[in-house]
């Protein structure tokens, strides 16, 4: 019985040593990429807030104590200023101090989403162009592709998978410590010195951030691999929407009077909302509104309503709150990834954990160097 126990312990130690090596190899090969992903992710955490702050004169207007102009009047005025513009969509808020956004088609193939013009809804004045968007697009490109296209995308995906393995191997390696002294394993003391301090800090903080890294990894892989996103949709039974640009009839003329009719019909059917987006397609007799209800779960919890201005009927109305839990989660992948799903607290947590990725890279490297030095000293002693 004693010999069997010794064999089991020896085998367990071999497995543990093997996992430590795997952990170290993964750490050294993937952590620098993960550090870049973490740093760029932390920058992107508050992109909306930063963009709005540096462009507050475009996003927000002063209430002039007068009623807002009608959508028809605003569009007519815009058409006079930019007569050749092909209007794709409108976005505006119920907030009295928010500007209105007119999106027009662009001849530049790179600007597939079109060009946005910010309009004062009280005066129809075209406001200053938004600054800083190019910087955040560049940061997003690094975050998702390391700015290396499809090759970078695959490297990022592989690094995220490596992070999952790092967490699993890390928990296994430190499990005896966690099992026997849980509260001690999730704390560390600054009194400790050298490699002991690095090890306890690395493992303690690592345990705290595991739940948040799991959310980041399991949602981030959605954009890295088609097989992963397809599997999620298959498991949840939620149909995957194909990203196809809306088809526009080049010969069709947008009737601003009809747009106003559609908006009036929308207001008759939807009372509580914060933000509306209207996208114009070839069928000008029907209008689709994407709107954010009052007090939404997050800014991506959009509902949709399709209206027919000829019959004044609601063709289709899909409310976000009426969707199944699986549909809500699949529609909230990005909100979960950024932490926005859990409000401001969630965004702060994701921002903090993203920054901490650099700490794990540095401490992991320092422990690796320390381990190498220790081995060299042991070898030198053996030789002597």
Protein backbone atom coordinates (compact mmCIF):
# COMPACT_ATOMS: atom_id res chain seq x y z
CA UNK A 1 0.00 0.00 0.00
CA UNK A 2 2.88 2.34 0.92
CA UNK A 3 4.64 1.58 -2.40
CA UNK A 4 1.44 2.28 -4.32
CA UNK A 5 1.08 5.63 -2.56
CA UNK A 6 4.68 6.49 -3.40
CA UNK A 7 4.12 5.61 -7.07
CA UNK A 8 0.95 7.72 -7.17
CA UNK A 9 2.80 10.66 -5.59
CA UNK A 10 5.68 10.25 -8.04
CA UNK A 11 3.26 10.14 -10.98
CA UNK A 12 1.40 13.17 -9.62
CA UNK A 13 4.69 15.07 -9.26
CA UNK A 14 5.62 14.17 -12.84
CA UNK A 15 2.27 15.44 -14.10
CA UNK A 16 2.72 18.60 -12.07
CA UNK A 17 6.24 19.17 -13.40
CA UNK A 18 4.98 18.61 -16.93
CA UNK A 19 2.15 21.13 -16.38
CA UNK A 20 4.59 23.64 -14.92
CA UNK A 21 6.71 23.33 -18.09
CA UNK A 22 3.61 23.71 -20.26
CA UNK A 23 2.57 26.71 -18.18
CA UNK A 24 6.01 28.29 -18.59
CA UNK A 25 6.20 27.63 -22.34
CA UNK A 26 2.70 28.99 -22.94
CA UNK A 27 3.48 31.94 -20.71
CA UNK A 28 6.67 32.83 -22.58
CA UNK A 29 5.20 32.37 -26.08
CA UNK A 30 1.75 33.90 -25.57
CA UNK A 31 2.05 36.38 -22.73
CA UNK A 32 3.60 39.18 -24.77
CA UNK A 33 0.73 38.95 -27.24
CA UNK A 34 -1.72 38.74 -24.34
CA UNK A 35 -0.09 41.81 -22.79
CA UNK A 36 -0.72 43.74 -26.03
CA UNK A 37 -4.30 42.48 -26.15
CA UNK A 38 -4.78 43.48 -22.50
CA UNK A 39 -3.32 46.97 -22.90
CA UNK A 40 -5.34 47.72 -26.05
CA UNK A 41 -8.45 46.22 -24.43
CA UNK A 42 -8.10 48.56 -21.46
CA UNK A 43 -7.84 51.55 -23.83
CA UNK A 44 -10.98 50.42 -25.68
CA UNK A 45 -12.94 49.92 -22.43
CA UNK A 46 -13.98 53.57 -22.27
CA UNK A 47 -13.83 54.44 -25.96
CA UNK A 48 -17.38 55.84 -26.06
CA UNK A 49 -16.87 58.02 -23.02
CA UNK A 50 -13.50 59.35 -24.24
CA UNK A 51 -14.81 60.10 -27.76
CA UNK A 52 -17.83 61.90 -26.35
CA UNK A 53 -15.69 63.91 -23.93
CA UNK A 54 -13.23 65.20 -26.54
CA UNK A 55 -16.09 65.87 -29.00
CA UNK A 56 -18.69 67.20 -26.57
CA UNK A 57 -19.46 70.17 -28.85
CA UNK A 58 -20.49 67.71 -31.58
CA UNK A 59 -22.29 65.14 -29.45
CA UNK A 60 -24.15 67.66 -27.32
CA UNK A 61 -25.90 70.96 -28.02
CA UNK A 62 -27.24 73.74 -25.83
CA UNK A 63 -30.97 73.71 -25.33
CA UNK A 64 -32.20 76.99 -26.82
CA UNK A 65 -35.58 76.69 -25.05
CA UNK A 66 -37.31 76.16 -28.38
CA UNK A 67 -38.86 73.02 -29.87
CA UNK A 68 -36.68 70.86 -32.07
CA UNK A 69 -37.05 71.13 -35.82
CA UNK A 70 -38.99 68.37 -37.54
CA UNK A 71 -36.99 65.60 -39.20
CA UNK A 72 -38.40 66.73 -42.54
CA UNK A 73 -37.08 70.28 -42.06
CA UNK A 74 -33.65 69.03 -40.93
CA UNK A 75 -33.33 66.72 -43.95
CA UNK A 76 -34.42 69.44 -46.36
CA UNK A 77 -31.87 71.84 -44.91
CA UNK A 78 -29.15 69.16 -45.09
CA UNK A 79 -30.04 68.46 -48.72
CA UNK A 80 -29.54 72.13 -49.58
CA UNK A 81 -26.08 72.12 -47.99
CA UNK A 82 -25.00 68.75 -49.46
CA UNK A 83 -27.30 68.17 -52.46
CA UNK A 84 -25.60 65.04 -53.85
CA UNK A 85 -25.61 63.15 -50.55
CA UNK A 86 -27.23 59.70 -50.50
CA UNK A 87 -28.69 59.39 -46.99
CA UNK A 88 -28.33 55.90 -45.52
CA UNK A 89 -29.57 56.34 -41.97
CA UNK A 90 -30.56 58.66 -39.14
CA UNK A 91 -29.71 58.31 -35.47
CA UNK A 92 -31.06 60.56 -32.75
CA UNK A 93 -31.83 60.57 -29.06
CA UNK A 94 -34.76 61.62 -26.93
CA UNK A 95 -32.27 63.56 -24.82
CA UNK A 96 -32.91 67.27 -25.32
CA UNK A 97 -29.18 68.05 -25.42
CA UNK A 98 -28.10 65.35 -27.89
CA UNK A 99 -27.23 66.03 -31.51
CA UNK A 100 -28.73 64.16 -34.47
CA UNK A 101 -26.58 61.99 -36.77
CA UNK A 102 -27.10 61.73 -40.53
CA UNK A 103 -25.19 58.91 -42.20
CA UNK A 104 -24.51 59.24 -45.95
CA UNK A 105 -23.00 56.82 -48.47
CA UNK A 106 -19.29 57.22 -49.19
CA UNK A 107 -17.49 56.66 -52.48
CA UNK A 108 -14.47 55.50 -50.51
CA UNK A 109 -14.60 51.68 -50.29
CA UNK A 110 -12.77 51.78 -46.96
CA UNK A 111 -15.64 53.76 -45.40
CA UNK A 112 -18.17 50.95 -45.78
CA UNK A 113 -20.24 52.25 -42.89
CA UNK A 114 -20.59 55.63 -44.59
CA UNK A 115 -19.86 59.13 -43.29
CA UNK A 116 -21.55 60.61 -40.23
CA UNK A 117 -22.63 64.24 -39.98
CA UNK A 118 -23.61 65.59 -36.56
CA UNK A 119 -26.50 68.03 -36.69
CA UNK A 120 -27.93 70.51 -34.19
CA UNK A 121 -31.64 69.48 -34.00
CA UNK A 122 -32.69 73.02 -33.06
CA UNK A 123 -30.92 74.95 -35.83
CA UNK A 124 -30.02 72.24 -38.42
CA UNK A 125 -26.39 73.44 -38.19
CA UNK A 126 -23.75 70.88 -39.23
CA UNK A 127 -21.43 70.46 -36.25
CA UNK A 128 -17.67 69.80 -36.18
CA UNK A 129 -16.31 66.45 -37.36
CA UNK A 130 -15.56 63.83 -34.73
CA UNK A 131 -11.92 63.55 -33.63
CA UNK A 132 -10.18 60.48 -32.25
CA UNK A 133 -12.11 57.77 -34.10
CA UNK A 134 -9.11 56.92 -36.29
CA UNK A 135 -6.94 56.35 -33.20
CA UNK A 136 -9.44 53.95 -31.61
CA UNK A 137 -9.92 52.07 -34.89
CA UNK A 138 -6.14 51.57 -35.00
CA UNK A 139 -6.14 50.34 -31.37
CA UNK A 140 -9.04 47.98 -32.18
CA UNK A 141 -7.11 46.65 -35.17
CA UNK A 142 -4.16 45.85 -32.88
CA UNK A 143 -6.49 44.33 -30.27
CA UNK A 144 -8.18 42.01 -32.77
CA UNK A 145 -5.48 41.41 -35.40
CA UNK A 146 -2.21 42.88 -34.07
CA UNK A 147 -2.48 45.11 -37.19
CA UNK A 148 -1.41 42.08 -39.30
CA UNK A 149 -4.70 41.18 -40.96
CA UNK A 150 -5.81 37.53 -40.98
CA UNK A 151 -2.41 36.29 -39.77
CA UNK A 152 -2.62 38.56 -36.72
CA UNK A 153 -6.21 37.44 -36.14
CA UNK A 154 -5.06 33.80 -35.94
CA UNK A 155 -2.22 34.73 -33.56
CA UNK A 156 -4.68 36.56 -31.30
CA UNK A 157 -7.07 33.60 -31.37
CA UNK A 158 -4.27 31.15 -30.52
CA UNK A 159 -3.11 33.41 -27.68
CA UNK A 160 -6.62 33.54 -26.22
CA UNK A 161 -6.76 29.72 -26.32
CA UNK A 162 -3.36 29.73 -24.60
CA UNK A 163 -4.75 31.96 -21.86
CA UNK A 164 -7.49 29.39 -21.21
CA UNK A 165 -4.81 26.68 -20.87
CA UNK A 166 -2.71 28.97 -18.65
CA UNK A 167 -5.65 29.43 -16.29
CA UNK A 168 -6.41 25.69 -16.17
CA UNK A 169 -2.76 24.72 -15.60
CA UNK A 170 -2.30 27.55 -13.10
CA UNK A 171 -5.26 26.40 -10.99
CA UNK A 172 -3.95 22.81 -11.08
CA UNK A 173 -0.43 23.86 -10.04
CA UNK A 174 -1.64 26.00 -7.14
CA UNK A 175 -4.57 23.74 -6.18
CA UNK A 176 -2.85 22.18 -3.10
CA UNK A 177 -2.29 25.69 -1.73
CA UNK A 178 -5.87 26.72 -2.57
CA UNK A 179 -7.31 23.52 -1.09
CA UNK A 180 -5.47 23.67 2.24
CA UNK A 181 -5.49 27.43 2.80
CA UNK A 182 -8.06 29.11 0.57
CA UNK A 183 -8.07 32.58 2.15
CA UNK A 184 -4.28 32.58 2.38
CA UNK A 185 -4.04 31.60 -1.30
CA UNK A 186 -6.06 34.64 -2.44
CA UNK A 187 -3.93 37.13 -0.49
CA UNK A 188 -0.27 38.04 -0.42
CA UNK A 189 2.00 39.99 1.89
CA UNK A 190 4.43 42.71 0.90
CA UNK A 191 6.75 41.46 3.65
CA UNK A 192 7.70 38.49 1.47
CA UNK A 193 10.74 39.03 -0.70
CA UNK A 194 12.15 37.84 -3.99
CA UNK A 195 10.68 34.89 -5.83
CA UNK A 196 8.36 34.00 -2.93
CA UNK A 197 6.67 37.41 -3.17
CA UNK A 198 6.35 37.18 -6.96
CA UNK A 199 4.89 33.68 -6.75
CA UNK A 200 2.27 34.52 -4.09
CA UNK A 201 1.28 37.77 -5.81
CA UNK A 202 1.08 36.08 -9.22
CA UNK A 203 -1.13 33.24 -7.93
CA UNK A 204 -3.30 35.33 -5.57
CA UNK A 205 -4.22 38.01 -8.12
CA UNK A 206 -4.52 35.29 -10.76
CA UNK A 207 -7.26 33.55 -8.79
CA UNK A 208 -9.21 36.82 -8.44
CA UNK A 209 -9.16 37.59 -12.16
CA UNK A 210 -9.92 34.09 -13.50
CA UNK A 211 -13.75 34.62 -13.72
CA UNK A 212 -13.29 37.84 -15.70
CA UNK A 213 -10.63 36.35 -17.99
CA UNK A 214 -12.96 33.43 -18.66
CA UNK A 215 -15.67 35.85 -19.81
CA UNK A 216 -13.15 37.76 -21.94
CA UNK A 217 -11.80 34.57 -23.53
CA UNK A 218 -15.10 32.82 -24.15
CA UNK A 219 -16.59 35.94 -25.74
CA UNK A 220 -13.43 37.09 -27.53
CA UNK A 221 -13.10 33.79 -29.40
CA UNK A 222 -16.44 34.60 -31.06
CA UNK A 223 -14.62 36.97 -33.45
CA UNK A 224 -11.47 34.86 -33.80
CA UNK A 225 -12.89 31.62 -35.14
CA UNK A 226 -15.97 30.93 -37.27
CA UNK A 227 -16.18 27.35 -35.95
CA UNK A 228 -16.46 28.75 -32.43
CA UNK A 229 -19.17 31.31 -33.21
CA UNK A 230 -21.08 28.75 -35.31
CA UNK A 231 -20.90 26.27 -32.42
CA UNK A 232 -22.28 28.85 -29.99
CA UNK A 233 -25.20 29.56 -32.30
CA UNK A 234 -25.85 25.83 -32.74
CA UNK A 235 -25.78 25.19 -28.99
CA UNK A 236 -28.10 28.09 -28.18
CA UNK A 237 -30.36 27.58 -31.19
CA UNK A 238 -30.02 31.25 -32.12
CA UNK A 239 -29.69 31.93 -35.83
CA UNK A 240 -26.47 33.63 -36.87
CA UNK A 241 -27.12 36.82 -38.77
CA UNK A 242 -25.08 37.32 -41.89
CA UNK A 243 -23.42 40.71 -42.15
CA UNK A 244 -24.62 41.99 -45.48
CA UNK A 245 -24.60 45.66 -46.51
CA UNK A 246 -28.13 47.03 -47.06
CA UNK A 247 -29.23 47.18 -50.68
CA UNK A 248 -30.09 50.64 -51.91
CA UNK A 249 -31.99 51.58 -55.02
CA UNK A 250 -29.78 54.16 -56.72
CA UNK A 251 -32.75 55.52 -58.69
CA UNK A 252 -35.07 55.79 -55.70
CA UNK A 253 -35.60 59.24 -54.26
CA UNK A 254 -35.94 59.46 -50.50
CA UNK A 255 -39.09 61.33 -49.54
CA UNK A 256 -38.45 63.42 -46.45
CA UNK A 257 -42.21 63.74 -45.96
CA UNK A 258 -42.47 59.93 -45.80
CA UNK A 259 -39.62 59.80 -43.31
CA UNK A 260 -41.54 62.21 -41.09
CA UNK A 261 -44.68 60.07 -41.48
CA UNK A 262 -42.71 56.98 -40.46
CA UNK A 263 -41.34 58.77 -37.39
CA UNK A 264 -44.82 59.95 -36.37
CA UNK A 265 -46.10 56.37 -36.76
CA UNK A 266 -43.19 55.12 -34.68
CA UNK A 267 -44.03 57.58 -31.86
CA UNK A 268 -47.61 56.33 -31.90
CA UNK A 269 -46.48 52.75 -31.29
CA UNK A 270 -43.40 53.21 -29.10
CA UNK A 271 -43.57 55.58 -26.14
CA UNK A 272 -40.54 54.71 -24.04
CA UNK A 273 -37.17 54.88 -25.76
CA UNK A 274 -33.80 56.58 -25.43
CA UNK A 275 -32.30 56.35 -28.92
CA UNK A 276 -33.54 55.60 -32.45
CA UNK A 277 -31.82 54.49 -35.63
CA UNK A 278 -33.60 54.51 -39.01
CA UNK A 279 -31.88 52.80 -41.92
CA UNK A 280 -33.21 53.48 -45.41
CA UNK A 281 -33.31 50.69 -47.99
CA UNK A 282 -34.73 50.22 -51.48
CA UNK A 283 -38.25 49.74 -50.09
CA UNK A 284 -39.22 53.26 -49.14
CA UNK A 285 -42.78 52.29 -48.24
CA UNK A 286 -41.54 50.32 -45.21
CA UNK A 287 -39.26 51.69 -42.52
CA UNK A 288 -37.28 49.74 -39.92
CA UNK A 289 -36.48 51.41 -36.61
CA UNK A 290 -33.88 50.05 -34.21
CA UNK A 291 -34.45 51.65 -30.84
CA UNK A 292 -32.98 51.50 -27.36
CA UNK A 293 -35.73 51.22 -24.71
CA UNK A 294 -35.73 53.35 -21.58
CA UNK A 295 -33.41 51.92 -18.87
CA UNK A 296 -31.91 49.20 -21.10
CA UNK A 297 -29.78 46.31 -19.87
CA UNK A 298 -26.92 47.80 -21.90
CA UNK A 299 -26.44 50.08 -24.93
CA UNK A 300 -26.64 47.12 -27.35
CA UNK A 301 -30.00 45.84 -26.10
CA UNK A 302 -31.79 47.17 -29.17
CA UNK A 303 -35.39 46.43 -30.14
CA UNK A 304 -36.72 46.57 -33.74
CA UNK A 305 -39.99 47.64 -35.27
CA UNK A 306 -40.94 47.60 -38.96
CA UNK A 307 -43.68 49.99 -40.12
CA UNK A 308 -45.72 50.42 -43.30
CA UNK A 309 -46.55 54.09 -43.88
CA UNK A 310 -49.13 53.26 -46.57
CA UNK A 311 -51.33 51.19 -44.27
CA UNK A 312 -50.12 52.71 -40.95
CA UNK A 313 -49.56 49.16 -39.68
CA UNK A 314 -46.85 47.50 -37.65
CA UNK A 315 -45.37 44.73 -39.82
CA UNK A 316 -43.04 43.34 -37.18
CA UNK A 317 -42.05 44.31 -33.64
CA UNK A 318 -39.16 42.51 -31.92
CA UNK A 319 -38.60 43.68 -28.35
CA UNK A 320 -35.30 42.84 -26.69
CA UNK A 321 -36.98 42.07 -23.35
CA UNK A 322 -39.25 39.49 -25.03
CA UNK A 323 -36.34 37.45 -26.38
CA UNK A 324 -35.28 34.20 -24.74
CA UNK A 325 -32.29 34.19 -22.39
CA UNK A 326 -30.18 32.46 -25.07
CA UNK A 327 -31.06 35.16 -27.62
CA UNK A 328 -30.32 37.93 -25.13
CA UNK A 329 -26.91 36.47 -24.33
CA UNK A 330 -26.01 35.96 -28.00
CA UNK A 331 -27.05 39.57 -28.72
CA UNK A 332 -24.91 40.66 -25.78
CA UNK A 333 -21.58 39.02 -26.71
CA UNK A 334 -19.83 42.37 -27.19
CA UNK A 335 -21.42 43.85 -24.05
CA UNK A 336 -20.20 40.84 -22.03
CA UNK A 337 -16.73 41.13 -23.56
CA UNK A 338 -16.38 44.81 -22.63
CA UNK A 339 -18.12 44.46 -19.26
CA UNK A 340 -20.86 46.85 -20.33
CA UNK A 341 -23.41 44.11 -19.66
CA UNK A 342 -22.81 44.69 -15.92
CA UNK A 343 -22.92 48.48 -16.14
CA UNK A 344 -20.18 50.92 -15.16
CA UNK A 345 -18.87 48.54 -12.48
CA UNK A 346 -18.39 45.82 -15.10
CA UNK A 347 -16.49 48.16 -17.41
CA UNK A 348 -14.18 49.23 -14.58
CA UNK A 349 -13.52 45.58 -13.68
CA UNK A 350 -12.73 44.64 -17.30
CA UNK A 351 -10.51 47.73 -17.63
CA UNK A 352 -8.59 46.77 -14.48
CA UNK A 353 -8.21 43.08 -15.36
CA UNK A 354 -7.03 44.00 -18.87
CA UNK A 355 -4.30 46.18 -17.38
CA UNK A 356 -3.32 43.39 -14.99
CA UNK A 357 -2.37 41.22 -17.97
CA UNK A 358 0.90 43.17 -18.09
CA UNK A 359 1.54 42.31 -14.44
CA UNK A 360 1.21 38.57 -15.13
CA UNK A 361 3.56 38.86 -18.11
CA UNK A 362 6.23 40.66 -16.08
CA UNK A 363 5.95 38.50 -12.91
CA UNK A 364 5.82 35.29 -14.98
CA UNK A 365 9.00 36.30 -16.82
CA UNK A 366 10.73 37.28 -13.57
CA UNK A 367 9.85 33.92 -11.99
CA UNK A 368 11.14 32.11 -15.07
CA UNK A 369 14.46 33.97 -14.90
CA UNK A 370 14.63 33.32 -11.14
CA UNK A 371 14.03 29.60 -11.67
CA UNK A 372 16.78 29.46 -14.31
CA UNK A 373 19.25 31.20 -11.98
CA UNK A 374 18.37 28.79 -9.17
CA UNK A 375 18.99 25.78 -11.43
CA UNK A 376 22.36 27.17 -12.53
CA UNK A 377 23.39 27.64 -8.88
CA UNK A 378 22.36 24.06 -8.04
CA UNK A 379 24.37 22.76 -11.01
CA UNK A 380 27.44 24.80 -9.97
CA UNK A 381 27.21 23.41 -6.42
CA UNK A 382 26.92 19.86 -7.74
CA UNK A 383 30.01 20.35 -9.90
CA UNK A 384 31.99 21.67 -6.95
